[in-house]
Amino acid sequence: MTTTETPGMLRRILDYSSRADPYPLYAELRRTPVARQEDGSYVVSTYRELTELLHDPHLSSDVRHLSRPMPSAEGGDTPAFINMDPPEHDRLRRMAMRHFGPPHTPGLVAGMEGDLTAVVGGLIDDFAGRDQIDIVDDFAYPFPVTVICHLLGVPRDDEPRFHVWVDDIVNSIDYDPRTDPKEKLDKGVRARQDLRQYLGGLLEQRHGRPGDDLLARLANDDGPDGRMTDEEIISTANLLLIAGHETTVNLITNGMLTLLRHPQVLQRLRDEPGLVVPLVEELLRYEPPVHIIPWRAAYSDITVADTVIPKGSQIMLMLASGSRDPNRFHDPDSFAPDRRDNQHLGFGSGIHLCFGGPLARLETQIALTELVQRLDRPGLVADPPPYRRSPVLRGPIHLPVEQNR
């Protein structure tokens, strides 16, 4: 388990030609659990080592701890709490959670089930009379966007404006100065600025006007930790708007693709709707929406698998590889919805465990259940389908499906 360089392996994983099926490359990568790269960064790919790091207080989410400067994607603004360390991370996450889930609003997500089902039903109603649909454009994208807009208090009609910004931001997440044109980073920085300005305008309308949406609650509520500053609210809303739909789009789309590739499981879900709960957990392991956490820093020297990662080093966490680690999961390349002890890394782990995980789970459970019940003999038009460019937020950019096959 010594550290060795793996020239070319990471580049092969990040290359778009590997997007449809990176899993064989992950298997090769796991031969060296902690692999030092040519530029001095480290790639961690095995379940045990990933879990240790995700719970290690010496692993920093603040890229300012990196020994070599990294291109800033925040444009100098206040980062979201996902890019902070304790105690500031804990304070801001706690303040946001007061209005999003337990213990202060424990019934929020569960109480949305009826509304979520109604939105899904309306989208599927629009499939009537169509021989072919695009699961992404016609369903997996509009569904979570509608939900997160409602929760935050963002006008749904503004989606065409922020859609372009979100695309540019997502495309810049995995920016690599060695291979990517600077234009990719610049577009991401400009999009962040535009989105923050837009959210700032919505926030101004909430001050002194209490309401049920998250922006209004954050703008007017004084909890045990006080009140967020406007910059902190904007950063939080920015994070939730993007993460609140981008990951769920991938999860739903990957789920439908997986079911269409496993027709016996699709039929079983149709016959046993209760199967959807463990099925979604297995989906989070087997085809997760987030494959890589690209930017983490060693706050001090960290020893992982007998390898010392020096203070200030960049660490890349290959979550999807860890969830297919045969040393942790039996027959990991099989899709097994009855799998037990499924402690996957689909939502990460530790203090940065996905904030919106409960909502994403419920959205995906409802979406897949309704799709398999109401689609008439669906079949893939192309396999593999076309994928997004990003290796970080991995999923099909389109998923055309024919009915009546």
Protein backbone atom coordinates (compact mmCIF):
# COMPACT_ATOMS: atom_id res chain seq x y z
CA MET A 1 0.00 0.00 0.00
CA THR A 2 2.89 2.32 -0.69
CA THR A 3 2.42 5.50 -2.59
CA THR A 4 3.37 5.36 -6.25
CA GLU A 5 2.77 7.63 -9.17
CA THR A 6 0.15 6.46 -11.66
CA PRO A 7 0.98 8.46 -14.77
CA GLY A 8 -1.89 8.66 -17.18
CA MET A 9 -4.46 6.78 -15.08
CA LEU A 10 -6.18 9.86 -13.66
CA ARG A 11 -6.07 11.55 -17.05
CA ARG A 12 -7.79 8.52 -18.56
CA ILE A 13 -10.53 8.69 -15.91
CA LEU A 14 -11.07 12.41 -16.44
CA ASP A 15 -11.06 12.11 -20.24
CA TYR A 16 -14.51 12.32 -21.77
CA SER A 17 -14.04 9.03 -23.63
CA SER A 18 -14.29 7.25 -20.25
CA ARG A 19 -17.46 8.99 -19.10
CA ALA A 20 -19.90 6.24 -20.05
CA ASP A 21 -18.04 3.58 -18.06
CA PRO A 22 -15.25 4.70 -15.73
CA TYR A 23 -15.59 1.69 -13.44
CA PRO A 24 -12.89 -0.55 -15.00
CA LEU A 25 -10.48 2.34 -14.60
CA TYR A 26 -11.50 2.76 -10.96
CA ALA A 27 -10.67 -0.92 -10.44
CA GLU A 28 -7.16 -0.32 -11.78
CA LEU A 29 -6.81 2.80 -9.65
CA ARG A 30 -7.71 0.89 -6.47
CA ARG A 31 -4.54 -1.19 -6.84
CA THR A 32 -2.82 1.84 -5.32
CA PRO A 33 -5.22 3.11 -2.63
CA VAL A 34 -3.32 6.37 -2.16
CA ALA A 35 -1.62 7.41 -5.38
CA ARG A 36 0.71 10.37 -5.68
CA GLN A 37 0.36 12.22 -8.96
CA GLU A 38 3.04 13.87 -11.02
CA ASP A 39 2.04 17.33 -9.79
CA GLY A 40 2.32 16.35 -6.12
CA SER A 41 -1.41 15.86 -5.53
CA TYR A 42 -2.89 12.61 -4.19
CA VAL A 43 -5.76 10.42 -5.39
CA VAL A 44 -7.56 8.19 -2.87
CA SER A 45 -9.77 5.45 -4.32
CA THR A 46 -10.52 2.68 -1.77
CA TYR A 47 -13.44 2.55 0.64
CA ARG A 48 -11.54 2.21 3.89
CA GLU A 49 -9.12 5.02 3.13
CA LEU A 50 -11.86 7.31 1.79
CA THR A 51 -13.95 6.77 4.91
CA GLU A 52 -10.99 7.49 7.17
CA LEU A 53 -10.26 10.73 5.35
CA LEU A 54 -13.87 11.90 5.28
CA HIS A 55 -13.87 11.66 9.08
CA ASP A 56 -10.37 13.06 9.58
CA PRO A 57 -10.32 16.59 11.05
CA HIS A 58 -6.98 17.18 9.32
CA LEU A 59 -8.68 17.00 5.90
CA SER A 60 -9.70 20.52 4.96
CA SER A 61 -12.48 21.62 2.63
CA ASP A 62 -10.93 25.11 2.47
CA VAL A 63 -8.63 25.26 -0.56
CA ARG A 64 -6.79 28.17 1.03
CA HIS A 65 -4.91 25.47 2.95
CA LEU A 66 -3.34 24.16 -0.26
CA SER A 67 0.39 24.80 -0.53
CA ARG A 68 0.11 25.77 -4.19
CA PRO A 69 -2.45 28.36 -5.30
CA MET A 70 -5.51 26.99 -7.04
CA PRO A 71 -7.71 28.91 -9.48
CA SER A 72 -10.48 30.54 -7.48
CA ALA A 73 -14.01 29.66 -8.49
CA GLU A 74 -15.59 31.90 -5.87
CA GLY A 75 -14.44 35.22 -7.28
CA GLY A 76 -13.37 36.39 -3.81
CA ASP A 77 -16.86 36.13 -2.33
CA THR A 78 -17.89 34.34 0.85
CA PRO A 79 -17.67 30.59 0.18
CA ALA A 80 -20.56 28.24 0.87
CA PHE A 81 -20.30 26.17 4.04
CA ILE A 82 -19.46 23.08 1.98
CA ASN A 83 -16.10 24.77 1.33
CA MET A 84 -15.49 25.65 4.97
CA ASP A 85 -14.09 23.84 8.00
CA PRO A 86 -15.35 23.82 11.59
CA PRO A 87 -16.33 25.87 13.46
CA GLU A 88 -17.66 28.14 10.70
CA HIS A 89 -18.93 25.19 8.66
CA ASP A 90 -20.83 23.81 11.63
CA ARG A 91 -22.38 27.18 12.49
CA LEU A 92 -23.66 27.91 8.99
CA ARG A 93 -24.84 24.37 8.32
CA ARG A 94 -26.69 24.38 11.64
CA MET A 95 -28.35 27.70 10.81
CA ALA A 96 -29.47 26.47 7.40
CA MET A 97 -30.71 23.16 8.79
CA ARG A 98 -33.04 24.97 11.20
CA HIS A 99 -35.27 25.67 8.20
CA PHE A 100 -34.65 22.54 6.16
CA GLY A 101 -34.94 19.53 8.41
CA PRO A 102 -34.56 17.97 11.86
CA PRO A 103 -34.60 18.84 14.64
CA HIS A 104 -36.35 22.20 14.12
CA THR A 105 -38.41 21.36 11.01
CA PRO A 106 -38.55 17.56 11.23
CA GLY A 107 -41.59 17.09 9.00
CA LEU A 108 -40.54 19.34 6.13
CA VAL A 109 -39.34 16.70 3.67
CA ALA A 110 -41.86 13.99 4.58
CA GLY A 111 -44.65 16.56 4.36
CA MET A 112 -43.74 17.30 0.74
CA GLU A 113 -44.55 13.81 -0.52
CA GLY A 114 -48.02 14.71 -1.82
CA ASP A 115 -46.78 17.79 -3.66
CA LEU A 116 -43.82 15.91 -5.12
CA THR A 117 -46.09 13.15 -6.38
CA ALA A 118 -48.38 15.74 -7.98
CA VAL A 119 -45.46 17.41 -9.82
CA VAL A 120 -44.24 14.04 -11.07
CA GLY A 121 -47.74 13.07 -12.18
CA GLY A 122 -48.13 16.28 -14.15
CA LEU A 123 -44.85 15.78 -15.96
CA ILE A 124 -45.72 12.19 -16.88
CA ASP A 125 -49.18 13.29 -18.05
CA ASP A 126 -47.38 15.34 -20.69
CA PHE A 127 -45.89 12.12 -22.12
CA ALA A 128 -49.30 11.07 -23.40
CA GLY A 129 -49.37 10.35 -27.12
CA ARG A 130 -45.58 10.54 -27.48
CA ASP A 131 -43.61 7.57 -28.74
CA GLN A 132 -40.30 8.99 -27.49
CA ILE A 133 -39.34 11.12 -24.49
CA ASP A 134 -36.10 12.46 -23.07
CA ILE A 135 -35.94 11.48 -19.41
CA VAL A 136 -33.57 14.39 -18.71
CA ASP A 137 -35.24 17.29 -20.51
CA ASP A 138 -38.83 16.13 -20.05
CA PHE A 139 -38.64 14.85 -16.49
CA ALA A 140 -35.43 14.52 -14.43
CA TYR A 141 -34.47 18.19 -14.89
CA PRO A 142 -37.80 20.03 -14.50
CA PHE A 143 -38.88 17.99 -11.47
CA PRO A 144 -36.12 18.88 -8.94
CA VAL A 145 -35.78 22.41 -10.35
CA THR A 146 -39.45 23.02 -9.60
CA VAL A 147 -39.00 21.64 -6.09
CA ILE A 148 -35.88 23.59 -5.13
CA CYS A 149 -37.28 26.83 -6.59
CA HIS A 150 -40.36 26.43 -4.41
CA LEU A 151 -38.31 25.69 -1.30
CA LEU A 152 -35.91 28.59 -1.77
CA GLY A 153 -38.41 31.11 -3.04
CA VAL A 154 -36.85 31.45 -6.50
CA PRO A 155 -39.41 32.17 -9.27
CA ARG A 156 -39.73 29.06 -11.44
CA ASP A 157 -40.16 31.31 -14.48
CA ASP A 158 -36.58 32.54 -13.98
CA GLU A 159 -35.18 29.07 -14.74
CA PRO A 160 -33.97 30.01 -18.26
CA ARG A 161 -31.81 32.74 -16.67
CA PHE A 162 -30.10 30.67 -14.01
CA HIS A 163 -29.89 27.50 -16.13
CA VAL A 164 -27.09 29.03 -18.22
CA TRP A 165 -25.22 30.20 -15.11
CA VAL A 166 -25.51 26.83 -13.41
CA ASP A 167 -24.21 25.03 -16.51
CA ASP A 168 -21.15 27.28 -16.61
CA ILE A 169 -20.54 26.83 -12.87
CA VAL A 170 -20.82 23.04 -13.04
CA ASN A 171 -18.51 22.93 -16.06
CA SER A 172 -15.87 24.87 -14.11
CA ILE A 173 -15.91 22.69 -10.99
CA ASP A 174 -13.31 20.29 -12.36
CA TYR A 175 -11.20 23.00 -14.02
CA ASP A 176 -7.64 21.81 -14.58
CA PRO A 177 -5.15 24.58 -15.48
CA ARG A 178 -2.91 21.99 -17.14
CA THR A 179 -5.45 20.93 -19.76
CA ASP A 180 -8.45 23.30 -19.79
CA PRO A 181 -8.65 26.68 -21.52
CA LYS A 182 -8.85 29.60 -19.10
CA GLU A 183 -12.16 30.55 -20.72
CA LYS A 184 -13.77 27.61 -18.89
CA LEU A 185 -12.75 29.04 -15.52
CA ASP A 186 -13.61 32.62 -16.49
CA LYS A 187 -17.13 31.62 -17.56
CA GLY A 188 -17.59 29.86 -14.22
CA VAL A 189 -16.43 32.92 -12.26
CA ARG A 190 -18.74 35.23 -14.24
CA ALA A 191 -21.66 32.85 -13.81
CA ARG A 192 -21.10 32.75 -10.04
CA GLN A 193 -21.09 36.51 -9.91
CA ASP A 194 -24.27 36.76 -12.00
CA LEU A 195 -26.06 34.13 -9.92
CA ARG A 196 -25.02 35.77 -6.66
CA GLN A 197 -26.24 39.14 -7.88
CA TYR A 198 -29.55 37.58 -8.90
CA LEU A 199 -29.99 35.86 -5.52
CA GLY A 200 -29.00 39.07 -3.76
CA GLY A 201 -31.87 40.85 -5.48
CA LEU A 202 -34.33 38.21 -4.29
CA LEU A 203 -32.92 38.47 -0.77
CA GLU A 204 -33.44 42.23 -0.66
CA GLN A 205 -37.15 41.63 -1.25
CA ARG A 206 -37.31 39.33 1.82
CA HIS A 207 -35.88 41.63 4.48
CA GLY A 208 -38.60 42.57 6.95
CA ARG A 209 -41.10 40.38 5.12
CA PRO A 210 -41.31 36.97 6.84
CA GLY A 211 -42.44 34.12 4.65
CA ASP A 212 -42.38 30.35 4.26
CA ASP A 213 -39.59 30.07 1.71
CA LEU A 214 -35.99 29.48 2.81
CA LEU A 215 -34.73 32.88 1.67
CA ALA A 216 -37.36 34.64 3.77
CA ARG A 217 -36.68 32.48 6.79
CA LEU A 218 -32.94 33.02 6.65
CA ALA A 219 -33.40 36.77 6.15
CA ASN A 220 -35.67 37.25 9.14
CA ASP A 221 -35.03 34.53 11.69
CA ASP A 222 -32.79 34.95 14.74
CA GLY A 223 -31.93 31.52 16.10
CA PRO A 224 -29.48 30.42 18.79
CA ASP A 225 -26.58 31.24 16.45
CA GLY A 226 -27.94 34.64 15.51
CA ARG A 227 -28.66 35.58 11.92
CA MET A 228 -26.64 34.94 8.79
CA THR A 229 -25.15 37.92 7.01
CA ASP A 230 -26.51 38.68 3.56
CA GLU A 231 -23.32 37.27 2.00
CA GLU A 232 -23.72 34.05 3.99
CA ILE A 233 -27.37 33.73 2.95
CA ILE A 234 -26.49 34.27 -0.72
CA SER A 235 -23.71 31.67 -0.56
CA THR A 236 -26.04 29.18 1.12
CA ALA A 237 -28.83 29.81 -1.39
CA ASN A 238 -26.33 29.50 -4.23
CA LEU A 239 -25.20 26.12 -2.95
CA LEU A 240 -28.72 24.81 -2.37
CA LEU A 241 -30.04 26.00 -5.72
CA ILE A 242 -27.26 24.23 -7.63
CA ALA A 243 -26.83 21.11 -5.48
CA GLY A 244 -30.59 20.93 -4.92
CA HIS A 245 -31.25 19.98 -8.51
CA GLU A 246 -28.01 19.07 -10.30
CA THR A 247 -27.30 15.95 -8.24
CA THR A 248 -30.94 14.84 -8.23
CA VAL A 249 -31.15 15.14 -12.03
CA ASN A 250 -28.24 12.71 -12.24
CA LEU A 251 -29.64 10.36 -9.62
CA ILE A 252 -33.04 10.06 -11.31
CA THR A 253 -31.53 9.72 -14.79
CA ASN A 254 -28.92 7.17 -13.69
CA GLY A 255 -31.72 5.31 -11.92
CA MET A 256 -33.91 5.05 -14.99
CA LEU A 257 -30.95 4.07 -17.15
CA THR A 258 -30.03 1.34 -14.67
CA LEU A 259 -33.59 0.00 -14.53
CA LEU A 260 -33.84 -0.10 -18.32
CA ARG A 261 -30.59 -2.06 -18.37
CA HIS A 262 -32.04 -4.44 -15.75
CA PRO A 263 -35.61 -5.11 -16.98
CA GLN A 264 -36.15 -7.83 -14.38
CA VAL A 265 -35.56 -5.28 -11.62
CA LEU A 266 -37.80 -2.76 -13.37
CA GLN A 267 -40.62 -5.32 -13.46
CA ARG A 268 -40.02 -6.21 -9.85
CA LEU A 269 -40.28 -2.55 -8.81
CA ARG A 270 -43.53 -2.32 -10.77
CA ASP A 271 -44.87 -5.29 -8.82
CA GLU A 272 -43.31 -4.34 -5.46
CA PRO A 273 -43.34 -0.55 -5.02
CA GLY A 274 -41.84 -0.90 -1.55
CA LEU A 275 -38.62 -2.09 -3.16
CA VAL A 276 -37.86 1.50 -4.13
CA VAL A 277 -36.31 2.40 -0.76
CA PRO A 278 -33.42 -0.11 -0.82
CA LEU A 279 -33.25 0.23 -4.60
CA VAL A 280 -32.39 3.93 -4.36
CA GLU A 281 -29.72 3.17 -1.76
CA GLU A 282 -28.19 0.62 -4.10
CA LEU A 283 -28.40 3.13 -6.92
CA LEU A 284 -26.45 5.63 -4.81
CA ARG A 285 -23.73 3.01 -4.51
CA TYR A 286 -23.85 1.58 -8.03
CA GLU A 287 -24.40 4.72 -10.17
CA PRO A 288 -24.02 7.73 -7.87
CA PRO A 289 -24.66 11.31 -9.00
CA VAL A 290 -21.33 12.59 -7.62
CA HIS A 291 -18.21 10.60 -8.53
CA ILE A 292 -15.36 12.74 -7.32
CA ILE A 293 -14.60 15.37 -4.68
CA PRO A 294 -11.77 17.10 -6.55
CA TRP A 295 -10.56 19.71 -4.08
CA ARG A 296 -9.56 18.78 -0.54
CA ALA A 297 -6.43 19.88 1.31
CA ALA A 298 -4.23 18.32 3.96
CA TYR A 299 -4.50 20.70 6.93
CA SER A 300 -1.43 18.98 8.36
CA ASP A 301 0.54 15.85 7.52
CA ILE A 302 -1.93 12.96 7.16
CA THR A 303 -1.05 9.27 7.18
CA VAL A 304 -3.36 7.14 5.04
CA ALA A 305 -2.63 3.50 4.19
CA ASP A 306 0.96 3.86 5.41
CA THR A 307 1.40 6.85 3.13
CA VAL A 308 2.21 10.28 4.51
CA ILE A 309 0.38 13.02 2.63
CA PRO A 310 2.26 16.26 3.32
CA LYS A 311 0.58 19.34 4.73
CA GLY A 312 -0.87 21.54 2.00
CA SER A 313 -1.25 18.74 -0.56
CA GLN A 314 -4.29 18.57 -2.80
CA ILE A 315 -6.32 15.39 -2.25
CA MET A 316 -8.87 14.04 -4.74
CA LEU A 317 -11.48 11.69 -3.28
CA MET A 318 -12.83 9.11 -5.74
CA LEU A 319 -16.14 8.38 -4.02
CA ALA A 320 -17.65 6.27 -6.80
CA SER A 321 -14.57 4.06 -6.80
CA GLY A 322 -14.88 3.49 -3.06
CA SER A 323 -18.50 2.41 -3.43
CA ARG A 324 -17.39 -0.30 -5.87
CA ASP A 325 -14.53 -1.55 -3.68
CA PRO A 326 -14.66 -5.39 -3.53
CA ASN A 327 -12.95 -5.29 -0.13
CA ARG A 328 -16.08 -3.60 1.23
CA PHE A 329 -18.96 -4.76 -0.98
CA HIS A 330 -19.70 -8.26 -2.21
CA ASP A 331 -19.92 -8.49 -6.01
CA PRO A 332 -19.72 -4.68 -6.25
CA ASP A 333 -20.26 -4.45 -10.02
CA SER A 334 -23.70 -6.07 -9.74
CA PHE A 335 -26.84 -4.00 -9.20
CA ALA A 336 -28.49 -5.69 -6.22
CA PRO A 337 -31.41 -3.76 -4.67
CA ASP A 338 -31.66 -6.32 -1.85
CA ARG A 339 -28.08 -5.59 -0.77
CA ARG A 340 -27.68 -5.34 2.99
CA ASP A 341 -25.28 -3.20 5.01
CA ASN A 342 -25.15 -0.74 2.14
CA GLN A 343 -23.04 2.03 3.65
CA HIS A 344 -22.20 3.61 0.32
CA LEU A 345 -20.44 6.92 -0.28
CA GLY A 346 -23.11 8.23 -2.65
CA PHE A 347 -23.80 11.22 -0.40
CA GLY A 348 -20.29 11.40 1.02
CA SER A 349 -19.72 10.92 4.75
CA GLY A 350 -18.61 12.80 7.84
CA ILE A 351 -19.44 16.43 8.57
CA HIS A 352 -20.07 17.18 4.88
CA LEU A 353 -22.65 14.42 4.43
CA CYS A 354 -25.04 15.70 1.77
CA PHE A 355 -27.28 18.37 3.29
CA GLY A 356 -30.16 17.60 0.93
CA GLY A 357 -29.84 13.82 0.97
CA PRO A 358 -33.28 13.13 2.52
CA LEU A 359 -35.02 15.26 -0.11
CA ALA A 360 -33.03 13.75 -3.00
CA ARG A 361 -33.89 10.26 -1.76
CA LEU A 362 -37.61 11.03 -1.59
CA GLU A 363 -37.64 12.75 -4.99
CA THR A 364 -35.90 9.80 -6.60
CA GLN A 365 -38.10 7.22 -4.88
CA ILE A 366 -41.25 8.95 -6.13
CA ALA A 367 -39.83 9.61 -9.60
CA LEU A 368 -38.72 6.04 -10.29
CA THR A 369 -41.86 4.49 -8.80
CA GLU A 370 -44.15 6.61 -10.97
CA LEU A 371 -42.07 6.19 -14.11
CA VAL A 372 -42.05 2.39 -13.99
CA GLN A 373 -45.77 2.31 -13.20
CA ARG A 374 -46.84 4.64 -15.99
CA LEU A 375 -44.40 4.25 -18.88
CA ASP A 376 -45.67 1.77 -21.45
CA ARG A 377 -42.98 -0.85 -22.26
CA PRO A 378 -40.10 1.64 -22.21
CA GLY A 379 -36.81 0.95 -23.98
CA LEU A 380 -33.53 2.76 -24.52
CA VAL A 381 -33.00 4.49 -27.84
CA ALA A 382 -29.21 4.48 -27.44
CA ASP A 383 -26.94 2.69 -24.98
CA PRO A 384 -24.75 4.23 -23.81
CA PRO A 385 -26.54 7.56 -24.01
CA PRO A 386 -24.61 10.83 -24.42
CA TYR A 387 -23.03 11.97 -21.15
CA ARG A 388 -22.28 15.33 -19.60
CA ARG A 389 -18.73 16.58 -19.88
CA SER A 390 -18.13 16.61 -16.14
CA PRO A 391 -16.47 13.59 -14.48
CA VAL A 392 -17.45 15.03 -11.08
CA LEU A 393 -21.22 15.34 -11.46
CA ARG A 394 -21.57 12.36 -13.79
CA GLY A 395 -24.76 11.50 -15.64
CA PRO A 396 -26.36 11.43 -19.10
CA ILE A 397 -27.03 14.81 -20.65
CA HIS A 398 -29.93 13.19 -22.52
CA LEU A 399 -31.71 9.85 -22.06
CA PRO A 400 -34.08 9.22 -24.97
CA VAL A 401 -36.60 6.48 -24.23
CA GLU A 402 -39.17 4.93 -26.53
CA GLN A 403 -42.56 3.75 -25.31
CA ASN A 404 -44.59 0.83 -26.64
CA ARG A 405 -41.51 -1.27 -27.45
